[in-house]
Amino acid sequence: MSAVLTRKRKKQLLDKLDELDKKAKLSQLNDDKLNLKHTLNERLAQLLREEEIKWYQRTKVKNLLEEDANTKGLFGTAYAGFGFIYFAQIEAL
């Protein structure tokens, strides 16, 4: 689901839940309204879990790519340094 659709869906669910909460403050909700509220809460929780997983995966991929780029440069310098020391020792002999 795209980010825009996710935001719209989340807003719709929150609006419906707010409406039910306002009705619950004025009078007791019947069984149908209670079931609807429970279902909406479950959908919202699922949507939030999916959104959290999506962001976790994006962050994980981004961190892996950045760390690989940093590590590659670091190891390249270290290997070049070891190579320089090695070649300098051969010339001295």
Foldseek 3Di string as FASTA:
>chain_A
DDPVVLVVLLVVLVVLLVVLVVVCVVDNDDPVSVVVNVVSVVVNVVSVVVVVVVVVVVVVVVVVVVVVVVVVVVVVVVVVVVVVVVVVVVVVD
